[in-house]
Amino acid sequence: MSEAIPLQYSILGTFLLPVAQALRLHGVDPMELMAEVGIDVAKIANPDWRVPHDNFNLLMQRCVEESNDEAFGLLAGKQMQPQALHGLGFAWLASDTVYGGLKRLARFGKLVSTAADISLLEEADLVVLDLGRIPLSETFHFSSRDYAIGMVARMCSLALGDFLAPVKVQLERPEPQSAERWESMLAARVEFESSRSCLAWYRADILEPLVTGDPELARVNDEQTQTYLDSFMVQSISRGVVDKIVEHLPDGPPNQQQIAQALHVSNRTLQRKLKDEGTSFMDLLQDTRLQLARKYLSHPNRSVVETAYMLGFSEPSTFSRAFKRWTGVAPADFRDSHRLS
């Protein structure tokens, strides 16, 4: 099996500013901590600078450790200012309604993070902002998701000019030691260890017209945001294949023809493009399964059997043999070692 293809997901460099402010509130020097995880803070003067996801996740992990604050991500989100979101932030504040701002976040989510898969759903009398699947990364830290949740709550309140509490919040993260802090900071009921990460509001509350709405200003900033997105969102065929594999796996391992159809290219074209990028469909399928297996087995409440079926294996024994072939250890042993660490 080839070495896993790095996806090189990134976030806006300006997203470090609220994190730095939250660190200062805890009396921690942000510059030292950022340098420790390989982030060159001198580049923050460049508004187009982006930070690799792996570095950002390592930073958030160290922030939690140094601040001794398991809710650090939420605290960082509360420091968010619209300028950190570039044109999206100003378009959000100029939206006619809070709902309009959320629609812009779903539309331009990849400005914030190239791994973003944000969707806005209507469920009965609620509007739900779903942050999408957790990025495929061994460095992922749940405080990064807390930061996103806190940022959305903060921006909604800034748009309204008053605090706007969500009706409910669902988080994939394990339940923290002080779960009540999440409910206090978000002023909402929080469900942990959920199947998704999302916030929900009553539809009527977020459709109230905002006195600060400025359609022309919002349009100008939308155009600026789209131009910025177009300048860097050039995805490799490998990344597209990995994304489609992740979508298909719960129904069984997809074949190359299925993925080619999902990407609207011919089987031969897909094979040629992957070869040009130094990989193959089977390499990406196996690498994706391995990375997902490691992530799932690191979760304290996910069994080997559940992991096997989520990765498209028809039998847990088949998954166990494959995992041991890939890593040299049995999945149960891998899971137990992470539970004890």
C-alpha atoms as a PDB file:
ATOM      1  CA  MET A   1       0.000   0.000   0.000  1.00  0.00           C
ATOM      2  CA  SER A   2       1.325   3.457  -0.851  1.00  0.00           C
ATOM      3  CA  GLU A   3       1.851   6.222   1.634  1.00  0.00           C
ATOM      4  CA  ALA A   4      -1.400   8.089   2.379  1.00  0.00           C
ATOM      5  CA  ILE A   5      -2.027  11.137   0.202  1.00  0.00           C
ATOM      6  CA  PRO A   6      -2.027  14.329   2.329  1.00  0.00           C
ATOM      7  CA  LEU A   7      -5.175  16.355   1.671  1.00  0.00           C
ATOM      8  CA  GLN A   8      -3.632  19.689   2.706  1.00  0.00           C
ATOM      9  CA  TYR A   9      -6.828  21.157   4.129  1.00  0.00           C
ATOM     10  CA  SER A  10      -6.393  24.705   5.435  1.00  0.00           C
ATOM     11  CA  ILE A  11      -8.171  27.444   7.381  1.00  0.00           C
ATOM     12  CA  LEU A  12      -8.013  31.226   7.243  1.00  0.00           C
ATOM     13  CA  GLY A  13      -4.915  32.562   8.976  1.00  0.00           C
ATOM     14  CA  THR A  14      -7.012  35.310  10.572  1.00  0.00           C
ATOM     15  CA  PHE A  15      -8.759  32.588  12.581  1.00  0.00           C
ATOM     16  CA  LEU A  16      -5.691  32.609  14.823  1.00  0.00           C
ATOM     17  CA  LEU A  17      -6.595  36.062  16.163  1.00  0.00           C
ATOM     18  CA  PRO A  18      -9.540  34.953  18.364  1.00  0.00           C
ATOM     19  CA  VAL A  19      -7.469  31.980  19.524  1.00  0.00           C
ATOM     20  CA  ALA A  20      -4.635  34.309  20.526  1.00  0.00           C
ATOM     21  CA  GLN A  21      -7.072  36.527  22.420  1.00  0.00           C
ATOM     22  CA  ALA A  22      -8.507  33.549  24.306  1.00  0.00           C
ATOM     23  CA  LEU A  23      -4.977  32.449  25.245  1.00  0.00           C
ATOM     24  CA  ARG A  24      -4.203  35.919  26.604  1.00  0.00           C
ATOM     25  CA  LEU A  25      -7.347  35.731  28.745  1.00  0.00           C
ATOM     26  CA  HIS A  26      -5.784  32.639  30.314  1.00  0.00           C
ATOM     27  CA  GLY A  27      -2.421  34.359  30.739  1.00  0.00           C
ATOM     28  CA  VAL A  28      -0.720  32.231  28.062  1.00  0.00           C
ATOM     29  CA  ASP A  29       1.664  33.684  25.454  1.00  0.00           C
ATOM     30  CA  PRO A  30       0.075  32.830  22.064  1.00  0.00           C
ATOM     31  CA  MET A  31       3.251  33.485  20.074  1.00  0.00           C
ATOM     32  CA  GLU A  32       5.252  30.797  21.853  1.00  0.00           C
ATOM     33  CA  LEU A  33       2.473  28.232  21.539  1.00  0.00           C
ATOM     34  CA  MET A  34       1.951  28.897  17.834  1.00  0.00           C
ATOM     35  CA  ALA A  35       5.658  28.643  17.101  1.00  0.00           C
ATOM     36  CA  GLU A  36       5.745  25.354  19.019  1.00  0.00           C
ATOM     37  CA  VAL A  37       3.280  23.748  16.571  1.00  0.00           C
ATOM     38  CA  GLY A  38       5.006  25.117  13.472  1.00  0.00           C
ATOM     39  CA  ILE A  39       2.849  28.183  12.771  1.00  0.00           C
ATOM     40  CA  ASP A  40       4.736  31.234  11.471  1.00  0.00           C
ATOM     41  CA  VAL A  41       2.812  34.089  13.084  1.00  0.00           C
ATOM     42  CA  ALA A  42       4.789  36.644  11.049  1.00  0.00           C
ATOM     43  CA  LYS A  43       2.583  35.668   8.107  1.00  0.00           C
ATOM     44  CA  ILE A  44      -0.605  36.831   9.837  1.00  0.00           C
ATOM     45  CA  ALA A  45      -0.065  40.287   8.305  1.00  0.00           C
ATOM     46  CA  ASN A  46      -0.976  38.694   4.960  1.00  0.00           C
ATOM     47  CA  PRO A  47      -4.816  38.607   4.835  1.00  0.00           C
ATOM     48  CA  ASP A  48      -4.722  35.727   2.327  1.00  0.00           C
ATOM     49  CA  TRP A  49      -2.474  33.514   4.447  1.00  0.00           C
ATOM     50  CA  ARG A  50      -3.876  30.086   5.286  1.00  0.00           C
ATOM     51  CA  VAL A  51      -2.884  27.632   8.022  1.00  0.00           C
ATOM     52  CA  PRO A  52      -2.753  23.866   7.389  1.00  0.00           C
ATOM     53  CA  HIS A  53      -5.461  21.999   9.304  1.00  0.00           C
ATOM     54  CA  ASP A  54      -2.950  19.716  10.997  1.00  0.00           C
ATOM     55  CA  ASN A  55      -1.084  22.670  12.510  1.00  0.00           C
ATOM     56  CA  PHE A  56      -4.310  24.315  13.620  1.00  0.00           C
ATOM     57  CA  ASN A  57      -5.575  21.132  15.289  1.00  0.00           C
ATOM     58  CA  LEU A  58      -2.264  20.696  17.099  1.00  0.00           C
ATOM     59  CA  LEU A  59      -2.523  24.318  18.237  1.00  0.00           C
ATOM     60  CA  MET A  60      -6.035  23.804  19.617  1.00  0.00           C
ATOM     61  CA  GLN A  61      -4.882  20.699  21.480  1.00  0.00           C
ATOM     62  CA  ARG A  62      -2.012  22.630  23.052  1.00  0.00           C
ATOM     63  CA  CYS A  63      -4.361  25.524  23.909  1.00  0.00           C
ATOM     64  CA  VAL A  64      -6.589  23.172  25.897  1.00  0.00           C
ATOM     65  CA  GLU A  65      -3.563  21.719  27.674  1.00  0.00           C
ATOM     66  CA  GLU A  66      -1.848  25.024  28.483  1.00  0.00           C
ATOM     67  CA  SER A  67      -5.033  26.821  29.552  1.00  0.00           C
ATOM     68  CA  ASN A  68      -6.314  23.767  31.440  1.00  0.00           C
ATOM     69  CA  ASP A  69      -9.687  24.694  29.948  1.00  0.00           C
ATOM     70  CA  GLU A  70     -11.581  21.905  28.193  1.00  0.00           C
ATOM     71  CA  ALA A  71     -14.019  24.514  26.800  1.00  0.00           C
ATOM     72  CA  PHE A  72     -11.215  26.616  25.286  1.00  0.00           C
ATOM     73  CA  GLY A  73     -12.647  26.234  21.774  1.00  0.00           C
ATOM     74  CA  LEU A  74     -15.926  27.872  22.818  1.00  0.00           C
ATOM     75  CA  LEU A  75     -14.037  30.685  24.544  1.00  0.00           C
ATOM     76  CA  ALA A  76     -12.037  31.314  21.360  1.00  0.00           C
ATOM     77  CA  GLY A  77     -15.239  31.372  19.314  1.00  0.00           C
ATOM     78  CA  LYS A  78     -16.646  34.077  21.599  1.00  0.00           C
ATOM     79  CA  GLN A  79     -13.707  36.330  20.633  1.00  0.00           C
ATOM     80  CA  MET A  80     -14.597  36.215  16.916  1.00  0.00           C
ATOM     81  CA  GLN A  81     -14.887  39.507  15.031  1.00  0.00           C
ATOM     82  CA  PRO A  82     -16.410  39.767  11.500  1.00  0.00           C
ATOM     83  CA  GLN A  83     -13.168  40.994   9.907  1.00  0.00           C
ATOM     84  CA  ALA A  84     -11.567  37.627  10.680  1.00  0.00           C
ATOM     85  CA  LEU A  85     -14.000  36.135   8.139  1.00  0.00           C
ATOM     86  CA  HIS A  86     -12.977  38.569   5.379  1.00  0.00           C
ATOM     87  CA  GLY A  87     -15.820  39.487   3.011  1.00  0.00           C
ATOM     88  CA  LEU A  88     -18.004  36.710   4.409  1.00  0.00           C
ATOM     89  CA  GLY A  89     -18.050  38.366   7.824  1.00  0.00           C
ATOM     90  CA  PHE A  90     -19.189  41.729   6.460  1.00  0.00           C
ATOM     91  CA  ALA A  91     -21.728  40.114   4.108  1.00  0.00           C
ATOM     92  CA  TRP A  92     -23.088  38.143   7.074  1.00  0.00           C
ATOM     93  CA  LEU A  93     -23.636  41.336   9.094  1.00  0.00           C
ATOM     94  CA  ALA A  94     -25.217  43.048   6.069  1.00  0.00           C
ATOM     95  CA  SER A  95     -27.702  40.196   5.507  1.00  0.00           C
ATOM     96  CA  ASP A  96     -31.414  40.937   5.720  1.00  0.00           C
ATOM     97  CA  THR A  97     -31.930  38.225   8.359  1.00  0.00           C
ATOM     98  CA  VAL A  98     -29.878  35.930  10.583  1.00  0.00           C
ATOM     99  CA  TYR A  99     -31.090  33.141   8.291  1.00  0.00           C
ATOM    100  CA  GLY A 100     -29.526  34.978   5.353  1.00  0.00           C
ATOM    101  CA  GLY A 101     -26.192  35.115   7.180  1.00  0.00           C
ATOM    102  CA  LEU A 102     -26.323  31.380   7.861  1.00  0.00           C
ATOM    103  CA  LYS A 103     -27.058  30.734   4.182  1.00  0.00           C
ATOM    104  CA  ARG A 104     -23.926  32.691   3.296  1.00  0.00           C
ATOM    105  CA  LEU A 105     -21.871  30.622   5.736  1.00  0.00           C
ATOM    106  CA  ALA A 106     -23.146  27.415   4.130  1.00  0.00           C
ATOM    107  CA  ARG A 107     -22.425  28.800   0.659  1.00  0.00           C
ATOM    108  CA  PHE A 108     -18.932  30.111   1.422  1.00  0.00           C
ATOM    109  CA  GLY A 109     -17.889  27.690   4.149  1.00  0.00           C
ATOM    110  CA  LYS A 110     -14.759  26.638   2.278  1.00  0.00           C
ATOM    111  CA  LEU A 111     -13.452  30.183   2.672  1.00  0.00           C
ATOM    112  CA  VAL A 112     -13.140  29.442   6.391  1.00  0.00           C
ATOM    113  CA  SER A 113     -11.935  25.862   5.927  1.00  0.00           C
ATOM    114  CA  THR A 114     -11.310  23.924   2.734  1.00  0.00           C
ATOM    115  CA  ALA A 115     -12.539  20.846   4.633  1.00  0.00           C
ATOM    116  CA  ALA A 116     -15.891  22.496   5.392  1.00  0.00           C
ATOM    117  CA  ASP A 117     -19.035  20.595   4.406  1.00  0.00           C
ATOM    118  CA  ILE A 118     -21.669  22.905   5.896  1.00  0.00           C
ATOM    119  CA  SER A 119     -25.377  22.562   5.122  1.00  0.00           C
ATOM    120  CA  LEU A 120     -28.492  24.442   6.190  1.00  0.00           C
ATOM    121  CA  LEU A 121     -31.531  22.234   6.751  1.00  0.00           C
ATOM    122  CA  GLU A 122     -35.158  22.842   7.682  1.00  0.00           C
ATOM    123  CA  GLU A 123     -36.603  20.342  10.145  1.00  0.00           C
ATOM    124  CA  ALA A 124     -40.225  21.110  11.144  1.00  0.00           C
ATOM    125  CA  ASP A 125     -40.141  24.584  12.743  1.00  0.00           C
ATOM    126  CA  LEU A 126     -36.358  24.545  13.146  1.00  0.00           C
ATOM    127  CA  VAL A 127     -33.485  25.649  10.932  1.00  0.00           C
ATOM    128  CA  VAL A 128     -30.420  23.472  11.482  1.00  0.00           C
ATOM    129  CA  LEU A 129     -26.842  24.397  10.577  1.00  0.00           C
ATOM    130  CA  ASP A 130     -24.965  21.101  10.165  1.00  0.00           C
ATOM    131  CA  LEU A 131     -21.167  21.403  10.203  1.00  0.00           C
ATOM    132  CA  GLY A 132     -20.763  18.169   8.248  1.00  0.00           C
ATOM    133  CA  ARG A 133     -18.423  15.259   8.755  1.00  0.00           C
ATOM    134  CA  ILE A 134     -15.239  15.578  10.758  1.00  0.00           C
ATOM    135  CA  PRO A 135     -12.239  16.110   8.444  1.00  0.00           C
ATOM    136  CA  LEU A 136     -10.225  12.976   7.769  1.00  0.00           C
ATOM    137  CA  SER A 137      -7.128  13.709   9.852  1.00  0.00           C
ATOM    138  CA  GLU A 138      -5.249  11.912  12.595  1.00  0.00           C
ATOM    139  CA  THR A 139      -4.526  15.280  14.254  1.00  0.00           C
ATOM    140  CA  PHE A 140      -8.197  16.275  14.604  1.00  0.00           C
ATOM    141  CA  HIS A 141      -9.054  17.737  18.015  1.00  0.00           C
ATOM    142  CA  PHE A 142     -12.622  18.316  19.190  1.00  0.00           C
ATOM    143  CA  SER A 143     -11.788  21.812  20.458  1.00  0.00           C
ATOM    144  CA  SER A 144     -11.620  22.819  16.777  1.00  0.00           C
ATOM    145  CA  ARG A 145     -15.297  21.880  16.419  1.00  0.00           C
ATOM    146  CA  ASP A 146     -16.091  23.737  19.647  1.00  0.00           C
ATOM    147  CA  TYR A 147     -14.406  26.778  18.104  1.00  0.00           C
ATOM    148  CA  ALA A 148     -16.616  26.527  15.004  1.00  0.00           C
ATOM    149  CA  ILE A 149     -19.759  26.201  17.129  1.00  0.00           C
ATOM    150  CA  GLY A 150     -18.754  29.178  19.258  1.00  0.00           C
ATOM    151  CA  MET A 151     -17.939  31.241  16.173  1.00  0.00           C
ATOM    152  CA  VAL A 152     -21.365  30.615  14.610  1.00  0.00           C
ATOM    153  CA  ALA A 153     -23.176  31.497  17.847  1.00  0.00           C
ATOM    154  CA  ARG A 154     -21.106  34.672  18.157  1.00  0.00           C
ATOM    155  CA  MET A 155     -21.723  35.820  14.573  1.00  0.00           C
ATOM    156  CA  CYS A 156     -25.466  35.231  14.871  1.00  0.00           C
ATOM    157  CA  SER A 157     -25.567  37.439  17.957  1.00  0.00           C
ATOM    158  CA  LEU A 158     -23.475  40.143  16.260  1.00  0.00           C
ATOM    159  CA  ALA A 159     -25.840  40.128  13.265  1.00  0.00           C
ATOM    160  CA  LEU A 160     -28.890  40.444  15.496  1.00  0.00           C
ATOM    161  CA  GLY A 161     -27.305  42.999  17.812  1.00  0.00           C
ATOM    162  CA  ASP A 162     -28.453  40.908  20.760  1.00  0.00           C
ATOM    163  CA  PHE A 163     -27.745  37.461  22.135  1.00  0.00           C
ATOM    164  CA  LEU A 164     -29.438  34.765  20.090  1.00  0.00           C
ATOM    165  CA  ALA A 165     -29.436  31.387  21.803  1.00  0.00           C
ATOM    166  CA  PRO A 166     -29.859  28.256  19.676  1.00  0.00           C
ATOM    167  CA  VAL A 167     -32.731  25.964  20.590  1.00  0.00           C
ATOM    168  CA  LYS A 168     -30.375  23.008  20.782  1.00  0.00           C
ATOM    169  CA  VAL A 169     -26.810  22.021  20.007  1.00  0.00           C
ATOM    170  CA  GLN A 170     -25.601  18.565  19.012  1.00  0.00           C
ATOM    171  CA  LEU A 171     -21.920  17.651  19.164  1.00  0.00           C
ATOM    172  CA  GLU A 172     -20.003  14.565  18.082  1.00  0.00           C
ATOM    173  CA  ARG A 173     -17.418  15.126  20.790  1.00  0.00           C
ATOM    174  CA  PRO A 174     -17.255  12.908  23.901  1.00  0.00           C
ATOM    175  CA  GLU A 175     -19.034  14.396  26.897  1.00  0.00           C
ATOM    176  CA  PRO A 176     -16.601  16.689  28.757  1.00  0.00           C
ATOM    177  CA  GLN A 177     -16.028  16.624  32.501  1.00  0.00           C
ATOM    178  CA  SER A 178     -17.950  19.871  32.982  1.00  0.00           C
ATOM    179  CA  ALA A 179     -20.722  19.514  30.403  1.00  0.00           C
ATOM    180  CA  GLU A 180     -22.690  22.286  32.091  1.00  0.00           C
ATOM    181  CA  ARG A 181     -20.113  24.826  30.865  1.00  0.00           C
ATOM    182  CA  TRP A 182     -21.120  24.144  27.256  1.00  0.00           C
ATOM    183  CA  GLU A 183     -24.789  24.710  28.087  1.00  0.00           C
ATOM    184  CA  SER A 184     -23.959  27.859  30.042  1.00  0.00           C
ATOM    185  CA  MET A 185     -21.759  29.383  27.325  1.00  0.00           C
ATOM    186  CA  LEU A 186     -24.209  28.534  24.527  1.00  0.00           C
ATOM    187  CA  ALA A 187     -27.361  29.095  26.615  1.00  0.00           C
ATOM    188  CA  ALA A 188     -28.815  25.944  25.076  1.00  0.00           C
ATOM    189  CA  ARG A 189     -29.315  22.267  25.719  1.00  0.00           C
ATOM    190  CA  VAL A 190     -26.288  20.372  24.404  1.00  0.00           C
ATOM    191  CA  GLU A 191     -26.326  16.742  23.305  1.00  0.00           C
ATOM    192  CA  PHE A 192     -22.882  15.126  23.312  1.00  0.00           C
ATOM    193  CA  GLU A 193     -21.673  12.038  21.437  1.00  0.00           C
ATOM    194  CA  SER A 194     -24.222  12.789  18.715  1.00  0.00           C
ATOM    195  CA  SER A 195     -24.094  11.555  15.133  1.00  0.00           C
ATOM    196  CA  ARG A 196     -23.572  15.141  13.911  1.00  0.00           C
ATOM    197  CA  SER A 197     -22.341  18.576  14.990  1.00  0.00           C
ATOM    198  CA  CYS A 198     -25.006  21.238  14.531  1.00  0.00           C
ATOM    199  CA  LEU A 199     -26.913  24.189  15.956  1.00  0.00           C
ATOM    200  CA  ALA A 200     -30.671  24.710  15.596  1.00  0.00           C
ATOM    201  CA  TRP A 201     -32.873  27.790  15.919  1.00  0.00           C
ATOM    202  CA  TYR A 202     -36.587  28.384  15.590  1.00  0.00           C
ATOM    203  CA  ARG A 203     -37.211  29.426  12.017  1.00  0.00           C
ATOM    204  CA  ALA A 204     -39.405  32.370  13.020  1.00  0.00           C
ATOM    205  CA  ASP A 205     -36.655  33.812  15.248  1.00  0.00           C
ATOM    206  CA  ILE A 206     -33.997  33.957  12.540  1.00  0.00           C
ATOM    207  CA  LEU A 207     -36.312  35.240   9.786  1.00  0.00           C
ATOM    208  CA  GLU A 208     -37.013  38.521  11.575  1.00  0.00           C
ATOM    209  CA  PRO A 209     -35.791  41.409   9.344  1.00  0.00           C
ATOM    210  CA  LEU A 210     -32.602  43.080  10.599  1.00  0.00           C
ATOM    211  CA  VAL A 211     -32.401  46.880  10.697  1.00  0.00           C
ATOM    212  CA  THR A 212     -28.730  46.591   9.675  1.00  0.00           C
ATOM    213  CA  GLY A 213     -29.567  44.705   6.473  1.00  0.00           C
ATOM    214  CA  ASP A 214     -27.858  46.183   3.406  1.00  0.00           C
ATOM    215  CA  PRO A 215     -28.407  44.049   0.256  1.00  0.00           C
ATOM    216  CA  GLU A 216     -25.947  46.051  -1.881  1.00  0.00           C
ATOM    217  CA  LEU A 217     -23.148  45.823   0.692  1.00  0.00           C
ATOM    218  CA  ALA A 218     -23.857  42.112   1.122  1.00  0.00           C
ATOM    219  CA  ARG A 219     -23.713  41.578  -2.654  1.00  0.00           C
ATOM    220  CA  VAL A 220     -20.361  43.362  -3.004  1.00  0.00           C
ATOM    221  CA  ASN A 221     -18.852  41.282  -0.222  1.00  0.00           C
ATOM    222  CA  ASP A 222     -20.325  38.093  -1.726  1.00  0.00           C
ATOM    223  CA  GLU A 223     -18.497  38.860  -4.972  1.00  0.00           C
ATOM    224  CA  GLN A 224     -15.251  39.520  -3.100  1.00  0.00           C
ATOM    225  CA  THR A 225     -15.610  36.248  -1.197  1.00  0.00           C
ATOM    226  CA  GLN A 226     -16.310  34.258  -4.375  1.00  0.00           C
ATOM    227  CA  THR A 227     -13.260  35.774  -6.071  1.00  0.00           C
ATOM    228  CA  TYR A 228     -11.085  34.778  -3.134  1.00  0.00           C
ATOM    229  CA  LEU A 229     -12.510  31.247  -3.139  1.00  0.00           C
ATOM    230  CA  ASP A 230     -11.903  30.848  -6.844  1.00  0.00           C
ATOM    231  CA  SER A 231      -8.268  31.879  -6.390  1.00  0.00           C
ATOM    232  CA  PHE A 232      -7.287  28.911  -4.214  1.00  0.00           C
ATOM    233  CA  MET A 233      -9.988  26.227  -4.359  1.00  0.00           C
ATOM    234  CA  VAL A 234      -8.342  24.055  -6.986  1.00  0.00           C
ATOM    235  CA  GLN A 235      -8.969  20.519  -5.792  1.00  0.00           C
ATOM    236  CA  SER A 236      -6.962  17.530  -6.938  1.00  0.00           C
ATOM    237  CA  ILE A 237      -8.755  14.509  -8.351  1.00  0.00           C
ATOM    238  CA  SER A 238      -7.334  12.507  -5.410  1.00  0.00           C
ATOM    239  CA  ARG A 239      -9.176  14.678  -2.893  1.00  0.00           C
ATOM    240  CA  GLY A 240     -12.422  14.311  -4.810  1.00  0.00           C
ATOM    241  CA  VAL A 241     -12.010  10.529  -4.903  1.00  0.00           C
ATOM    242  CA  VAL A 242     -11.375  10.391  -1.143  1.00  0.00           C
ATOM    243  CA  ASP A 243     -14.452  12.517  -0.429  1.00  0.00           C
ATOM    244  CA  LYS A 244     -16.644  10.216  -2.541  1.00  0.00           C
ATOM    245  CA  ILE A 245     -15.162   7.078  -0.990  1.00  0.00           C
ATOM    246  CA  VAL A 246     -16.038   8.370   2.486  1.00  0.00           C
ATOM    247  CA  GLU A 247     -19.630   8.996   1.340  1.00  0.00           C
ATOM    248  CA  HIS A 248     -20.014   5.495  -0.122  1.00  0.00           C
ATOM    249  CA  LEU A 249     -18.233   3.344   2.472  1.00  0.00           C
ATOM    250  CA  PRO A 250     -21.164   2.685   4.863  1.00  0.00           C
ATOM    251  CA  ASP A 251     -22.926   0.946   1.944  1.00  0.00           C
ATOM    252  CA  GLY A 252     -19.875  -1.180   1.158  1.00  0.00           C
ATOM    253  CA  PRO A 253     -16.565  -0.465  -0.572  1.00  0.00           C
ATOM    254  CA  PRO A 254     -17.233   1.397  -3.842  1.00  0.00           C
ATOM    255  CA  ASN A 255     -15.507   0.402  -7.064  1.00  0.00           C
ATOM    256  CA  GLN A 256     -13.662   2.758  -9.364  1.00  0.00           C
ATOM    257  CA  GLN A 257     -16.551   2.924 -11.835  1.00  0.00           C
ATOM    258  CA  GLN A 258     -18.946   4.135  -9.112  1.00  0.00           C
ATOM    259  CA  ILE A 259     -16.562   6.888  -8.043  1.00  0.00           C
ATOM    260  CA  ALA A 260     -15.913   7.928 -11.655  1.00  0.00           C
ATOM    261  CA  GLN A 261     -19.660   8.300 -12.186  1.00  0.00           C
ATOM    262  CA  ALA A 262     -20.011  10.294  -8.945  1.00  0.00           C
ATOM    263  CA  LEU A 263     -17.273  12.653 -10.165  1.00  0.00           C
ATOM    264  CA  HIS A 264     -18.805  12.869 -13.664  1.00  0.00           C
ATOM    265  CA  VAL A 265     -15.706  11.555 -15.453  1.00  0.00           C
ATOM    266  CA  SER A 266     -15.058   8.362 -17.402  1.00  0.00           C
ATOM    267  CA  ASN A 267     -13.405   5.419 -15.714  1.00  0.00           C
ATOM    268  CA  ARG A 268     -10.396   5.739 -18.029  1.00  0.00           C
ATOM    269  CA  THR A 269     -10.048   9.480 -17.338  1.00  0.00           C
ATOM    270  CA  LEU A 270     -10.164   8.911 -13.588  1.00  0.00           C
ATOM    271  CA  GLN A 271      -7.517   6.217 -13.801  1.00  0.00           C
ATOM    272  CA  ARG A 272      -5.237   8.430 -15.902  1.00  0.00           C
ATOM    273  CA  LYS A 273      -5.599  11.470 -13.637  1.00  0.00           C
ATOM    274  CA  LEU A 274      -4.872   9.431 -10.516  1.00  0.00           C
ATOM    275  CA  LYS A 275      -1.788   8.013 -12.208  1.00  0.00           C
ATOM    276  CA  ASP A 276      -0.652  11.559 -13.012  1.00  0.00           C
ATOM    277  CA  GLU A 277      -0.951  12.354  -9.285  1.00  0.00           C
ATOM    278  CA  GLY A 278       1.134   9.312  -8.371  1.00  0.00           C
ATOM    279  CA  THR A 279      -1.604   7.161  -6.891  1.00  0.00           C
ATOM    280  CA  SER A 280      -4.390   4.731  -7.809  1.00  0.00           C
ATOM    281  CA  PHE A 281      -7.987   4.111  -6.835  1.00  0.00           C
ATOM    282  CA  MET A 282      -7.131   1.021  -4.750  1.00  0.00           C
ATOM    283  CA  ASP A 283      -4.381   2.899  -2.898  1.00  0.00           C
ATOM    284  CA  LEU A 284      -6.798   5.709  -2.013  1.00  0.00           C
ATOM    285  CA  LEU A 285      -9.512   3.250  -0.963  1.00  0.00           C
ATOM    286  CA  GLN A 286      -7.184   1.394   1.386  1.00  0.00           C
ATOM    287  CA  ASP A 287      -5.547   4.558   2.748  1.00  0.00           C
ATOM    288  CA  THR A 288      -8.956   6.112   3.411  1.00  0.00           C
ATOM    289  CA  ARG A 289     -10.196   3.010   5.221  1.00  0.00           C
ATOM    290  CA  LEU A 290      -7.047   2.901   7.332  1.00  0.00           C
ATOM    291  CA  GLN A 291      -7.247   6.554   8.360  1.00  0.00           C
ATOM    292  CA  LEU A 292     -10.950   6.278   9.158  1.00  0.00           C
ATOM    293  CA  ALA A 293     -10.359   3.067  11.110  1.00  0.00           C
ATOM    294  CA  ARG A 294      -7.756   4.784  13.274  1.00  0.00           C
ATOM    295  CA  LYS A 295     -10.074   7.731  13.880  1.00  0.00           C
ATOM    296  CA  TYR A 296     -13.113   5.584  14.710  1.00  0.00           C
ATOM    297  CA  LEU A 297     -11.186   3.220  17.003  1.00  0.00           C
ATOM    298  CA  SER A 298      -9.779   6.204  18.909  1.00  0.00           C
ATOM    299  CA  HIS A 299     -13.352   7.094  19.932  1.00  0.00           C
ATOM    300  CA  PRO A 300     -14.046   5.564  23.372  1.00  0.00           C
ATOM    301  CA  ASN A 301     -17.632   4.576  22.569  1.00  0.00           C
ATOM    302  CA  ARG A 302     -17.127   2.991  19.155  1.00  0.00           C
ATOM    303  CA  SER A 303     -16.735  -0.789  18.976  1.00  0.00           C
ATOM    304  CA  VAL A 304     -14.654  -2.818  16.548  1.00  0.00           C
ATOM    305  CA  VAL A 305     -17.843  -4.330  15.109  1.00  0.00           C
ATOM    306  CA  GLU A 306     -19.426  -0.906  14.499  1.00  0.00           C
ATOM    307  CA  THR A 307     -16.197   0.367  12.939  1.00  0.00           C
ATOM    308  CA  ALA A 308     -16.059  -2.615  10.586  1.00  0.00           C
ATOM    309  CA  TYR A 309     -19.555  -1.975   9.229  1.00  0.00           C
ATOM    310  CA  MET A 310     -18.987   1.795   8.949  1.00  0.00           C
ATOM    311  CA  LEU A 311     -15.971   1.054   6.746  1.00  0.00           C
ATOM    312  CA  GLY A 312     -17.983  -1.200   4.448  1.00  0.00           C
ATOM    313  CA  PHE A 313     -16.697  -4.584   5.652  1.00  0.00           C
ATOM    314  CA  SER A 314     -19.313  -7.338   5.535  1.00  0.00           C
ATOM    315  CA  GLU A 315     -17.762  -9.194   8.481  1.00  0.00           C
ATOM    316  CA  PRO A 316     -15.838  -7.865  11.518  1.00  0.00           C
ATOM    317  CA  SER A 317     -13.324 -10.705  11.113  1.00  0.00           C
ATOM    318  CA  THR A 318     -12.467  -9.477   7.614  1.00  0.00           C
ATOM    319  CA  PHE A 319     -11.883  -5.983   8.982  1.00  0.00           C
ATOM    320  CA  SER A 320      -9.724  -7.327  11.814  1.00  0.00           C
ATOM    321  CA  ARG A 321      -7.479  -9.196   9.382  1.00  0.00           C
ATOM    322  CA  ALA A 322      -7.182  -6.153   7.113  1.00  0.00           C
ATOM    323  CA  PHE A 323      -6.399  -3.769   9.982  1.00  0.00           C
ATOM    324  CA  LYS A 324      -3.710  -6.094  11.357  1.00  0.00           C
ATOM    325  CA  ARG A 325      -2.211  -6.382   7.868  1.00  0.00           C
ATOM    326  CA  TRP A 326      -2.105  -2.585   7.564  1.00  0.00           C
ATOM    327  CA  THR A 327      -0.805  -1.729  11.043  1.00  0.00           C
ATOM    328  CA  GLY A 328       0.653  -4.898  12.566  1.00  0.00           C
ATOM    329  CA  VAL A 329      -1.787  -4.791  15.512  1.00  0.00           C
ATOM    330  CA  ALA A 330      -5.327  -6.055  16.019  1.00  0.00           C
ATOM    331  CA  PRO A 331      -8.056  -3.366  16.040  1.00  0.00           C
ATOM    332  CA  ALA A 332      -9.108  -4.304  19.582  1.00  0.00           C
ATOM    333  CA  ASP A 333      -5.528  -3.800  20.806  1.00  0.00           C
ATOM    334  CA  PHE A 334      -5.278  -0.480  18.953  1.00  0.00           C
ATOM    335  CA  ARG A 335      -8.550   0.685  20.523  1.00  0.00           C
ATOM    336  CA  ASP A 336      -7.487  -0.382  24.036  1.00  0.00           C
ATOM    337  CA  SER A 337      -4.134   1.401  23.740  1.00  0.00           C
ATOM    338  CA  HIS A 338      -5.882   4.679  22.862  1.00  0.00           C
ATOM    339  CA  ARG A 339      -8.402   4.248  25.652  1.00  0.00           C
ATOM    340  CA  LEU A 340      -5.545   4.008  28.173  1.00  0.00           C
ATOM    341  CA  SER A 341      -3.486   6.872  26.736  1.00  0.00           C
END
